[in-house]
Amino acid sequence: MKKLSIAVAMMLGLGVTAAQAAENGTLNFSGNVITNACGIDAGSVNSSVNFGTLTKDNILSLSAVGDTNAQLTKPFSIKLVGCPADAPISVKFEGAQYDENVQGFRANETYHQANVAAMIFDANTATKVIPNEFVSKGVTTAGTNELKYNVSLTKWWTGGNTTAIGDFTMVINYTMSYE
């Protein structure tokens, strides 16, 4: 019995010695608790705005880059569902064809073809939405909310006053952030 006790005591002693030689560390855990975040309505996830058929003169009649008119402006919205009241939401619009000159997005064709660009405006304030930057757009009502915008076409280049005839396309992505 004594031999067994001495062996156990020696093993326990070695375990304590090894534990005493270990280094200590710290784990930090953090997070952010929010109310329920809004969801994007399925009909708003992928939307299309069709300007229909425009004459070349509609674009060429604009005197400067960034000018637009009612014929070249269409509304669109992003519908949100399941929102808590007073949700702090921000939206960022971005695309591969961002154009610093118009603070918007140009058509995906090369510059000398379409000469068409799109600018996005907040429908409630008429403030231009600067691409690639989050803009606060809080919701006030619990449940369903609609973020309303206008997209306006303009010419992005005035050199040579050219606008090609044909189709144009623009892909603009948006990201929702819940602060």
N, C-alpha and C. Protein backbone atom coordinates (compact mmCIF):
# COMPACT_ATOMS: atom_id res chain seq x y z
N MET A 1 0.81 -1.17 0.00
CA MET A 1 0.00 0.00 0.00
C MET A 1 0.86 1.25 0.00
N LYS A 2 1.95 1.20 0.79
CA LYS A 2 2.82 2.35 0.84
C LYS A 2 3.48 2.60 -0.51
N LYS A 3 3.82 1.54 -1.25
CA LYS A 3 4.46 1.71 -2.54
C LYS A 3 3.51 2.40 -3.51
N LEU A 4 2.24 2.03 -3.48
CA LEU A 4 1.26 2.64 -4.36
C LEU A 4 1.07 4.11 -3.99
N SER A 5 0.99 4.43 -2.74
CA SER A 5 0.80 5.80 -2.30
C SER A 5 1.98 6.66 -2.68
N ILE A 6 3.19 6.12 -2.55
CA ILE A 6 4.38 6.89 -2.89
C ILE A 6 4.41 7.14 -4.40
N ALA A 7 4.03 6.15 -5.22
CA ALA A 7 4.01 6.32 -6.68
C ALA A 7 2.98 7.36 -7.08
N VAL A 8 1.80 7.30 -6.48
CA VAL A 8 0.75 8.28 -6.80
C VAL A 8 1.18 9.67 -6.38
N ALA A 9 1.79 9.77 -5.21
CA ALA A 9 2.25 11.07 -4.72
C ALA A 9 3.33 11.63 -5.64
N MET A 10 4.19 10.80 -6.16
CA MET A 10 5.23 11.27 -7.07
C MET A 10 4.62 11.76 -8.38
N MET A 11 3.61 11.04 -8.90
CA MET A 11 2.97 11.45 -10.15
C MET A 11 2.21 12.76 -9.95
N LEU A 12 1.53 12.89 -8.84
CA LEU A 12 0.81 14.13 -8.57
C LEU A 12 1.78 15.29 -8.42
N GLY A 13 2.88 15.05 -7.78
CA GLY A 13 3.90 16.08 -7.60
C GLY A 13 4.47 16.54 -8.93
N LEU A 14 4.68 15.62 -9.86
CA LEU A 14 5.19 15.99 -11.18
C LEU A 14 4.16 16.83 -11.93
N GLY A 15 2.89 16.47 -11.79
CA GLY A 15 1.82 17.22 -12.45
C GLY A 15 1.75 18.63 -11.92
N VAL A 16 1.89 18.82 -10.65
CA VAL A 16 1.85 20.15 -10.05
C VAL A 16 3.05 20.96 -10.51
N THR A 17 4.19 20.34 -10.58
CA THR A 17 5.40 21.04 -11.00
C THR A 17 5.24 21.52 -12.45
N ALA A 18 4.70 20.67 -13.33
CA ALA A 18 4.52 21.07 -14.72
C ALA A 18 3.51 22.20 -14.82
N ALA A 19 2.45 22.16 -14.04
CA ALA A 19 1.45 23.21 -14.08
C ALA A 19 2.02 24.51 -13.55
N GLN A 20 2.88 24.45 -12.59
CA GLN A 20 3.47 25.65 -12.02
C GLN A 20 4.43 26.31 -13.01
N ALA A 21 4.97 25.55 -13.94
CA ALA A 21 5.91 26.10 -14.90
C ALA A 21 5.21 26.69 -16.13
N ALA A 22 3.88 26.50 -16.29
CA ALA A 22 3.16 26.99 -17.47
C ALA A 22 3.03 28.51 -17.44
N GLU A 23 2.92 29.12 -18.64
CA GLU A 23 2.71 30.56 -18.73
C GLU A 23 1.22 30.85 -18.76
N ASN A 24 0.85 32.02 -18.33
CA ASN A 24 -0.55 32.44 -18.31
C ASN A 24 -0.85 33.32 -19.50
N GLY A 25 -2.11 33.33 -19.95
CA GLY A 25 -2.55 34.18 -21.05
C GLY A 25 -3.95 34.70 -20.75
N THR A 26 -4.42 35.55 -21.61
CA THR A 26 -5.75 36.14 -21.44
C THR A 26 -6.53 36.02 -22.73
N LEU A 27 -7.79 35.69 -22.64
CA LEU A 27 -8.70 35.69 -23.78
C LEU A 27 -9.67 36.83 -23.59
N ASN A 28 -9.82 37.66 -24.60
CA ASN A 28 -10.78 38.77 -24.55
C ASN A 28 -11.89 38.48 -25.54
N PHE A 29 -13.10 38.58 -25.09
CA PHE A 29 -14.26 38.39 -25.95
C PHE A 29 -15.04 39.70 -25.96
N SER A 30 -15.52 40.09 -27.15
CA SER A 30 -16.32 41.31 -27.23
C SER A 30 -17.37 41.12 -28.30
N GLY A 31 -18.28 42.04 -28.36
CA GLY A 31 -19.35 41.98 -29.34
C GLY A 31 -20.19 43.23 -29.27
N ASN A 32 -21.30 43.20 -29.95
CA ASN A 32 -22.21 44.33 -29.99
C ASN A 32 -23.62 43.78 -29.98
N VAL A 33 -24.42 44.20 -29.06
CA VAL A 33 -25.81 43.76 -28.99
C VAL A 33 -26.68 44.85 -29.60
N ILE A 34 -27.51 44.46 -30.57
CA ILE A 34 -28.41 45.42 -31.22
C ILE A 34 -29.81 44.86 -31.18
N THR A 35 -30.75 45.71 -31.52
CA THR A 35 -32.10 45.22 -31.70
C THR A 35 -32.11 44.43 -33.00
N ASN A 36 -33.20 43.85 -33.34
CA ASN A 36 -33.27 43.11 -34.60
C ASN A 36 -32.91 44.03 -35.76
N ALA A 37 -32.14 43.53 -36.68
CA ALA A 37 -31.78 44.30 -37.86
C ALA A 37 -32.87 44.14 -38.90
N CYS A 38 -33.03 45.16 -39.73
CA CYS A 38 -33.99 45.08 -40.83
C CYS A 38 -33.51 44.04 -41.83
N GLY A 39 -34.45 43.46 -42.54
CA GLY A 39 -34.11 42.60 -43.65
C GLY A 39 -34.49 43.28 -44.94
N ILE A 40 -33.80 42.97 -46.01
CA ILE A 40 -34.14 43.54 -47.32
C ILE A 40 -35.22 42.67 -47.94
N ASP A 41 -36.31 43.29 -48.35
CA ASP A 41 -37.41 42.58 -48.99
C ASP A 41 -36.89 41.89 -50.26
N ALA A 42 -37.36 40.69 -50.51
CA ALA A 42 -36.88 39.89 -51.66
C ALA A 42 -37.01 40.66 -52.97
N GLY A 43 -38.03 41.49 -53.11
CA GLY A 43 -38.21 42.26 -54.34
C GLY A 43 -37.22 43.40 -54.51
N SER A 44 -36.51 43.74 -53.46
CA SER A 44 -35.54 44.84 -53.52
C SER A 44 -34.09 44.37 -53.62
N VAL A 45 -33.87 43.08 -53.45
CA VAL A 45 -32.49 42.58 -53.46
C VAL A 45 -31.84 42.84 -54.82
N ASN A 46 -32.49 42.47 -55.88
CA ASN A 46 -32.00 42.71 -57.24
C ASN A 46 -33.07 43.46 -58.00
N SER A 47 -32.83 44.72 -58.27
CA SER A 47 -33.81 45.57 -58.95
C SER A 47 -33.25 46.10 -60.25
N SER A 48 -34.14 46.49 -61.13
CA SER A 48 -33.75 47.09 -62.41
C SER A 48 -34.51 48.38 -62.61
N VAL A 49 -33.82 49.38 -63.11
CA VAL A 49 -34.45 50.64 -63.49
C VAL A 49 -34.23 50.77 -65.00
N ASN A 50 -35.32 50.79 -65.74
CA ASN A 50 -35.24 50.85 -67.19
C ASN A 50 -35.61 52.26 -67.65
N PHE A 51 -34.70 52.91 -68.34
CA PHE A 51 -34.95 54.25 -68.85
C PHE A 51 -35.64 54.22 -70.21
N GLY A 52 -35.88 53.03 -70.71
CA GLY A 52 -36.55 52.93 -72.00
C GLY A 52 -35.69 53.49 -73.12
N THR A 53 -36.32 54.01 -74.12
CA THR A 53 -35.62 54.55 -75.28
C THR A 53 -35.44 56.05 -75.12
N LEU A 54 -34.21 56.48 -75.18
CA LEU A 54 -33.87 57.89 -75.10
C LEU A 54 -33.24 58.32 -76.42
N THR A 55 -33.49 59.54 -76.81
CA THR A 55 -32.81 60.02 -78.01
C THR A 55 -31.42 60.51 -77.63
N LYS A 56 -30.55 60.47 -78.59
CA LYS A 56 -29.18 60.95 -78.41
C LYS A 56 -29.19 62.40 -77.93
N ASP A 57 -30.15 63.17 -78.43
CA ASP A 57 -30.25 64.59 -78.07
C ASP A 57 -30.60 64.78 -76.59
N ASN A 58 -31.28 63.80 -75.96
CA ASN A 58 -31.58 63.92 -74.53
C ASN A 58 -30.29 64.06 -73.73
N ILE A 59 -29.28 63.31 -74.11
CA ILE A 59 -27.99 63.38 -73.41
C ILE A 59 -27.20 64.59 -73.89
N LEU A 60 -27.11 64.78 -75.19
CA LEU A 60 -26.30 65.88 -75.73
C LEU A 60 -26.84 67.26 -75.37
N SER A 61 -28.13 67.36 -75.07
CA SER A 61 -28.70 68.67 -74.73
C SER A 61 -28.25 69.15 -73.35
N LEU A 62 -27.69 68.28 -72.55
CA LEU A 62 -27.19 68.68 -71.24
C LEU A 62 -25.93 69.52 -71.44
N SER A 63 -25.88 70.67 -70.80
CA SER A 63 -24.77 71.57 -71.07
C SER A 63 -23.49 71.21 -70.33
N ALA A 64 -23.60 70.51 -69.21
CA ALA A 64 -22.39 70.20 -68.44
C ALA A 64 -22.49 68.83 -67.80
N VAL A 65 -21.35 68.29 -67.47
CA VAL A 65 -21.27 67.04 -66.72
C VAL A 65 -22.02 67.25 -65.41
N GLY A 66 -22.88 66.30 -65.06
CA GLY A 66 -23.65 66.41 -63.83
C GLY A 66 -25.01 67.04 -63.99
N ASP A 67 -25.27 67.69 -65.14
CA ASP A 67 -26.60 68.22 -65.40
C ASP A 67 -27.54 67.07 -65.71
N THR A 68 -28.80 67.24 -65.43
CA THR A 68 -29.81 66.23 -65.75
C THR A 68 -31.14 66.93 -65.95
N ASN A 69 -32.18 66.17 -66.27
CA ASN A 69 -33.51 66.74 -66.39
C ASN A 69 -34.54 65.66 -66.01
N ALA A 70 -35.80 66.04 -66.01
CA ALA A 70 -36.87 65.13 -65.57
C ALA A 70 -36.97 63.90 -66.45
N GLN A 71 -36.73 64.03 -67.76
CA GLN A 71 -36.78 62.88 -68.66
C GLN A 71 -35.70 61.85 -68.34
N LEU A 72 -34.62 62.30 -67.73
CA LEU A 72 -33.49 61.44 -67.45
C LEU A 72 -33.43 61.01 -65.98
N THR A 73 -34.55 61.13 -65.26
CA THR A 73 -34.60 60.78 -63.84
C THR A 73 -35.71 59.77 -63.58
N LYS A 74 -35.37 58.73 -62.82
CA LYS A 74 -36.34 57.69 -62.45
C LYS A 74 -36.23 57.39 -60.95
N PRO A 75 -37.37 57.11 -60.32
CA PRO A 75 -37.32 56.74 -58.90
C PRO A 75 -37.01 55.25 -58.72
N PHE A 76 -36.43 54.92 -57.60
CA PHE A 76 -36.30 53.52 -57.19
C PHE A 76 -36.27 53.50 -55.67
N SER A 77 -36.51 52.34 -55.11
CA SER A 77 -36.50 52.26 -53.65
C SER A 77 -35.98 50.90 -53.21
N ILE A 78 -35.58 50.86 -51.95
CA ILE A 78 -35.14 49.63 -51.31
C ILE A 78 -36.12 49.40 -50.16
N LYS A 79 -36.86 48.32 -50.24
CA LYS A 79 -37.87 48.02 -49.21
C LYS A 79 -37.24 47.16 -48.12
N LEU A 80 -37.42 47.59 -46.88
CA LEU A 80 -36.90 46.87 -45.73
C LEU A 80 -38.06 46.31 -44.91
N VAL A 81 -37.87 45.14 -44.36
CA VAL A 81 -38.90 44.49 -43.55
C VAL A 81 -38.34 44.09 -42.19
N GLY A 82 -39.24 43.99 -41.21
CA GLY A 82 -38.85 43.54 -39.88
C GLY A 82 -37.96 44.52 -39.14
N CYS A 83 -38.10 45.80 -39.40
CA CYS A 83 -37.24 46.80 -38.78
C CYS A 83 -37.73 47.16 -37.38
N PRO A 84 -36.81 47.37 -36.46
CA PRO A 84 -37.20 47.98 -35.20
C PRO A 84 -37.37 49.48 -35.41
N ALA A 85 -38.12 50.15 -34.56
CA ALA A 85 -38.28 51.60 -34.68
C ALA A 85 -36.93 52.28 -34.47
N ASP A 86 -36.71 53.34 -35.19
CA ASP A 86 -35.49 54.14 -35.08
C ASP A 86 -34.21 53.34 -35.31
N ALA A 87 -34.23 52.44 -36.28
CA ALA A 87 -33.04 51.65 -36.60
C ALA A 87 -32.00 52.54 -37.30
N PRO A 88 -30.77 52.55 -36.80
CA PRO A 88 -29.71 53.35 -37.43
C PRO A 88 -29.10 52.60 -38.62
N ILE A 89 -29.56 52.91 -39.81
CA ILE A 89 -29.12 52.21 -41.02
C ILE A 89 -28.29 53.15 -41.87
N SER A 90 -27.28 52.60 -42.51
CA SER A 90 -26.49 53.34 -43.50
C SER A 90 -26.46 52.52 -44.78
N VAL A 91 -26.39 53.21 -45.91
CA VAL A 91 -26.37 52.57 -47.22
C VAL A 91 -25.17 53.08 -47.99
N LYS A 92 -24.51 52.17 -48.71
CA LYS A 92 -23.38 52.53 -49.57
C LYS A 92 -23.65 51.97 -50.96
N PHE A 93 -23.55 52.82 -51.98
CA PHE A 93 -23.67 52.41 -53.38
C PHE A 93 -22.27 52.38 -53.98
N GLU A 94 -21.96 51.30 -54.69
CA GLU A 94 -20.65 51.18 -55.29
C GLU A 94 -20.72 50.38 -56.58
N GLY A 95 -19.76 50.60 -57.43
CA GLY A 95 -19.70 49.88 -58.69
C GLY A 95 -18.33 49.98 -59.32
N ALA A 96 -18.08 49.09 -60.25
CA ALA A 96 -16.78 49.03 -60.90
C ALA A 96 -16.51 50.27 -61.75
N GLN A 97 -17.55 50.89 -62.25
CA GLN A 97 -17.38 52.02 -63.16
C GLN A 97 -17.61 53.35 -62.45
N TYR A 98 -17.14 53.46 -61.21
CA TYR A 98 -17.26 54.72 -60.49
C TYR A 98 -16.51 55.81 -61.23
N ASP A 99 -17.11 56.99 -61.32
CA ASP A 99 -16.49 58.10 -62.03
C ASP A 99 -16.41 59.31 -61.11
N GLU A 100 -15.19 59.70 -60.76
CA GLU A 100 -14.95 60.83 -59.86
C GLU A 100 -15.50 62.13 -60.43
N ASN A 101 -15.46 62.26 -61.75
CA ASN A 101 -15.87 63.49 -62.41
C ASN A 101 -17.33 63.84 -62.12
N VAL A 102 -18.23 62.88 -62.16
CA VAL A 102 -19.65 63.15 -61.94
C VAL A 102 -20.11 62.71 -60.55
N GLN A 103 -19.20 62.13 -59.75
CA GLN A 103 -19.59 61.55 -58.47
C GLN A 103 -20.76 60.59 -58.68
N GLY A 104 -20.57 59.71 -59.64
CA GLY A 104 -21.58 58.73 -59.99
C GLY A 104 -20.94 57.56 -60.70
N PHE A 105 -21.73 56.91 -61.51
CA PHE A 105 -21.28 55.71 -62.20
C PHE A 105 -21.52 55.87 -63.69
N ARG A 106 -20.53 55.54 -64.48
CA ARG A 106 -20.71 55.64 -65.92
C ARG A 106 -21.11 54.28 -66.49
N ALA A 107 -21.60 54.32 -67.70
CA ALA A 107 -22.00 53.09 -68.37
C ALA A 107 -20.80 52.17 -68.51
N ASN A 108 -21.05 50.87 -68.55
CA ASN A 108 -19.99 49.88 -68.59
C ASN A 108 -19.25 49.84 -69.91
N GLU A 109 -19.74 50.54 -70.91
CA GLU A 109 -19.05 50.60 -72.19
C GLU A 109 -17.86 51.55 -72.06
N THR A 110 -16.97 51.54 -73.02
CA THR A 110 -15.83 52.44 -72.97
C THR A 110 -16.30 53.89 -73.10
N TYR A 111 -15.49 54.83 -72.64
CA TYR A 111 -15.91 56.22 -72.50
C TYR A 111 -16.41 56.85 -73.79
N HIS A 112 -15.88 56.48 -74.92
CA HIS A 112 -16.25 57.16 -76.15
C HIS A 112 -17.53 56.59 -76.76
N GLN A 113 -18.09 55.55 -76.17
CA GLN A 113 -19.31 54.98 -76.75
C GLN A 113 -20.55 55.66 -76.20
N ALA A 114 -20.94 55.34 -75.00
CA ALA A 114 -22.24 55.78 -74.50
C ALA A 114 -22.24 57.20 -73.98
N ASN A 115 -21.17 57.62 -73.30
CA ASN A 115 -21.14 58.94 -72.67
C ASN A 115 -22.35 59.13 -71.74
N VAL A 116 -22.68 58.10 -71.01
CA VAL A 116 -23.81 58.14 -70.08
C VAL A 116 -23.32 57.77 -68.69
N ALA A 117 -23.75 58.53 -67.71
CA ALA A 117 -23.41 58.24 -66.32
C ALA A 117 -24.68 58.37 -65.48
N ALA A 118 -24.68 57.75 -64.31
CA ALA A 118 -25.84 57.80 -63.41
C ALA A 118 -25.41 58.37 -62.06
N MET A 119 -26.25 59.23 -61.54
CA MET A 119 -26.05 59.80 -60.21
C MET A 119 -27.25 59.40 -59.36
N ILE A 120 -27.02 59.13 -58.09
CA ILE A 120 -28.10 58.73 -57.19
C ILE A 120 -28.34 59.86 -56.20
N PHE A 121 -29.62 60.16 -55.97
CA PHE A 121 -30.04 61.21 -55.06
C PHE A 121 -31.02 60.66 -54.03
N ASP A 122 -30.96 61.15 -52.81
CA ASP A 122 -31.96 60.83 -51.80
C ASP A 122 -33.26 61.50 -52.25
N ALA A 123 -34.33 60.74 -52.38
CA ALA A 123 -35.59 61.28 -52.89
C ALA A 123 -36.23 62.28 -51.92
N ASN A 124 -35.97 62.15 -50.63
CA ASN A 124 -36.59 63.04 -49.66
C ASN A 124 -35.87 64.38 -49.54
N THR A 125 -34.55 64.38 -49.72
CA THR A 125 -33.79 65.61 -49.52
C THR A 125 -33.16 66.15 -50.81
N ALA A 126 -33.19 65.39 -51.89
CA ALA A 126 -32.56 65.73 -53.17
C ALA A 126 -31.04 65.86 -53.05
N THR A 127 -30.47 65.32 -51.99
CA THR A 127 -29.03 65.33 -51.78
C THR A 127 -28.38 64.21 -52.58
N LYS A 128 -27.31 64.55 -53.30
CA LYS A 128 -26.59 63.53 -54.07
C LYS A 128 -25.91 62.56 -53.11
N VAL A 129 -26.05 61.29 -53.40
CA VAL A 129 -25.40 60.24 -52.61
C VAL A 129 -24.02 60.04 -53.20
N ILE A 130 -23.00 60.25 -52.38
CA ILE A 130 -21.63 60.09 -52.85
C ILE A 130 -21.31 58.60 -52.91
N PRO A 131 -20.90 58.11 -54.07
CA PRO A 131 -20.60 56.69 -54.21
C PRO A 131 -19.47 56.23 -53.29
N ASN A 132 -19.52 54.96 -52.94
CA ASN A 132 -18.49 54.30 -52.16
C ASN A 132 -18.34 54.84 -50.74
N GLU A 133 -19.37 55.55 -50.24
CA GLU A 133 -19.36 56.03 -48.87
C GLU A 133 -20.69 55.67 -48.22
N PHE A 134 -20.63 55.22 -46.96
CA PHE A 134 -21.86 54.95 -46.24
C PHE A 134 -22.55 56.26 -45.90
N VAL A 135 -23.85 56.32 -46.13
CA VAL A 135 -24.67 57.48 -45.83
C VAL A 135 -25.78 57.04 -44.89
N SER A 136 -25.92 57.75 -43.77
CA SER A 136 -26.97 57.40 -42.80
C SER A 136 -28.34 57.60 -43.41
N LYS A 137 -29.18 56.62 -43.18
CA LYS A 137 -30.54 56.66 -43.71
C LYS A 137 -31.41 55.88 -42.73
N GLY A 138 -31.57 56.39 -41.52
CA GLY A 138 -32.30 55.67 -40.49
C GLY A 138 -33.77 55.48 -40.83
N VAL A 139 -34.36 54.47 -40.25
CA VAL A 139 -35.79 54.24 -40.41
C VAL A 139 -36.47 54.65 -39.11
N THR A 140 -37.70 55.10 -39.19
CA THR A 140 -38.39 55.59 -38.01
C THR A 140 -39.52 54.68 -37.56
N THR A 141 -40.03 53.86 -38.44
CA THR A 141 -41.19 53.04 -38.15
C THR A 141 -40.81 51.59 -37.96
N ALA A 142 -41.36 50.96 -36.94
CA ALA A 142 -41.15 49.52 -36.77
C ALA A 142 -41.89 48.78 -37.88
N GLY A 143 -41.29 47.73 -38.41
CA GLY A 143 -41.93 46.94 -39.46
C GLY A 143 -41.33 47.21 -40.82
N THR A 144 -42.19 47.59 -41.78
CA THR A 144 -41.77 47.81 -43.17
C THR A 144 -41.41 49.26 -43.40
N ASN A 145 -40.29 49.49 -44.08
CA ASN A 145 -39.83 50.83 -44.43
C ASN A 145 -39.34 50.82 -45.87
N GLU A 146 -39.38 51.98 -46.49
CA GLU A 146 -38.93 52.09 -47.86
C GLU A 146 -37.91 53.23 -47.96
N LEU A 147 -36.71 52.92 -48.40
CA LEU A 147 -35.69 53.92 -48.62
C LEU A 147 -35.83 54.39 -50.06
N LYS A 148 -36.19 55.66 -50.25
CA LYS A 148 -36.51 56.17 -51.59
C LYS A 148 -35.36 56.99 -52.16
N TYR A 149 -35.08 56.70 -53.43
CA TYR A 149 -34.00 57.37 -54.14
C TYR A 149 -34.46 57.73 -55.55
N ASN A 150 -33.70 58.59 -56.20
CA ASN A 150 -33.85 58.88 -57.62
C ASN A 150 -32.50 58.61 -58.28
N VAL A 151 -32.54 58.06 -59.47
CA VAL A 151 -31.33 57.91 -60.26
C VAL A 151 -31.50 58.80 -61.48
N SER A 152 -30.49 59.62 -61.74
CA SER A 152 -30.54 60.57 -62.85
C SER A 152 -29.37 60.31 -63.78
N LEU A 153 -29.68 60.30 -65.06
CA LEU A 153 -28.63 60.14 -66.07
C LEU A 153 -28.04 61.50 -66.41
N THR A 154 -26.79 61.49 -66.75
CA THR A 154 -26.09 62.68 -67.19
C THR A 154 -25.01 62.24 -68.17
N LYS A 155 -24.35 63.20 -68.80
CA LYS A 155 -23.18 62.82 -69.57
C LYS A 155 -21.98 62.98 -68.65
N TRP A 156 -21.01 62.13 -68.82
CA TRP A 156 -19.85 62.19 -67.94
C TRP A 156 -18.64 62.80 -68.62
N TRP A 157 -18.76 63.08 -69.89
CA TRP A 157 -17.64 63.62 -70.64
C TRP A 157 -18.17 64.63 -71.63
N THR A 158 -17.61 65.82 -71.65
CA THR A 158 -18.09 66.84 -72.58
C THR A 158 -17.20 67.01 -73.79
N GLY A 159 -16.01 66.44 -73.76
CA GLY A 159 -15.09 66.58 -74.89
C GLY A 159 -15.64 65.93 -76.14
N GLY A 160 -15.78 66.68 -77.19
CA GLY A 160 -16.24 66.16 -78.47
C GLY A 160 -17.75 66.03 -78.58
N ASN A 161 -18.47 66.20 -77.48
CA ASN A 161 -19.93 66.10 -77.48
C ASN A 161 -20.44 64.90 -78.27
N THR A 162 -19.93 63.74 -77.96
CA THR A 162 -20.38 62.53 -78.64
C THR A 162 -21.17 61.65 -77.69
N THR A 163 -22.14 61.01 -78.23
CA THR A 163 -22.90 59.98 -77.53
C THR A 163 -23.29 58.96 -78.58
N ALA A 164 -22.84 57.75 -78.40
CA ALA A 164 -23.11 56.70 -79.37
C ALA A 164 -24.55 56.21 -79.24
N ILE A 165 -25.07 55.74 -80.32
CA ILE A 165 -26.41 55.14 -80.33
C ILE A 165 -26.25 53.67 -79.96
N GLY A 166 -27.14 53.18 -79.12
CA GLY A 166 -27.09 51.78 -78.72
C GLY A 166 -27.45 51.61 -77.26
N ASP A 167 -27.40 50.37 -76.82
CA ASP A 167 -27.74 50.05 -75.43
C ASP A 167 -26.62 50.46 -74.49
N PHE A 168 -27.01 50.78 -73.27
CA PHE A 168 -26.01 51.01 -72.22
C PHE A 168 -26.46 50.26 -70.97
N THR A 169 -25.50 49.88 -70.15
CA THR A 169 -25.79 49.19 -68.90
C THR A 169 -24.90 49.75 -67.79
N MET A 170 -25.42 49.68 -66.58
CA MET A 170 -24.65 50.04 -65.39
C MET A 170 -25.03 49.07 -64.29
N VAL A 171 -24.04 48.61 -63.58
CA VAL A 171 -24.29 47.76 -62.43
C VAL A 171 -23.84 48.53 -61.20
N ILE A 172 -24.78 48.77 -60.30
CA ILE A 172 -24.48 49.48 -59.05
C ILE A 172 -24.92 48.57 -57.91
N ASN A 173 -24.00 48.25 -57.05
CA ASN A 173 -24.31 47.40 -55.89
C ASN A 173 -24.53 48.29 -54.68
N TYR A 174 -25.31 47.78 -53.72
CA TYR A 174 -25.45 48.52 -52.49
C TYR A 174 -25.23 47.60 -51.29
N THR A 175 -24.77 48.22 -50.22
CA THR A 175 -24.50 47.50 -48.97
C THR A 175 -25.26 48.22 -47.86
N MET A 176 -25.94 47.45 -47.04
CA MET A 176 -26.66 48.00 -45.88
C MET A 176 -25.79 47.75 -44.64
N SER A 177 -25.70 48.74 -43.79
CA SER A 177 -24.97 48.59 -42.53
C SER A 177 -25.90 48.99 -41.39
N TYR A 178 -25.92 48.20 -40.36
CA TYR A 178 -26.74 48.48 -39.20
C TYR A 178 -25.81 48.89 -38.08
N GLU A 179 -25.78 50.17 -37.79
CA GLU A 179 -24.83 50.71 -36.80
C GLU A 179 -25.22 50.31 -35.41
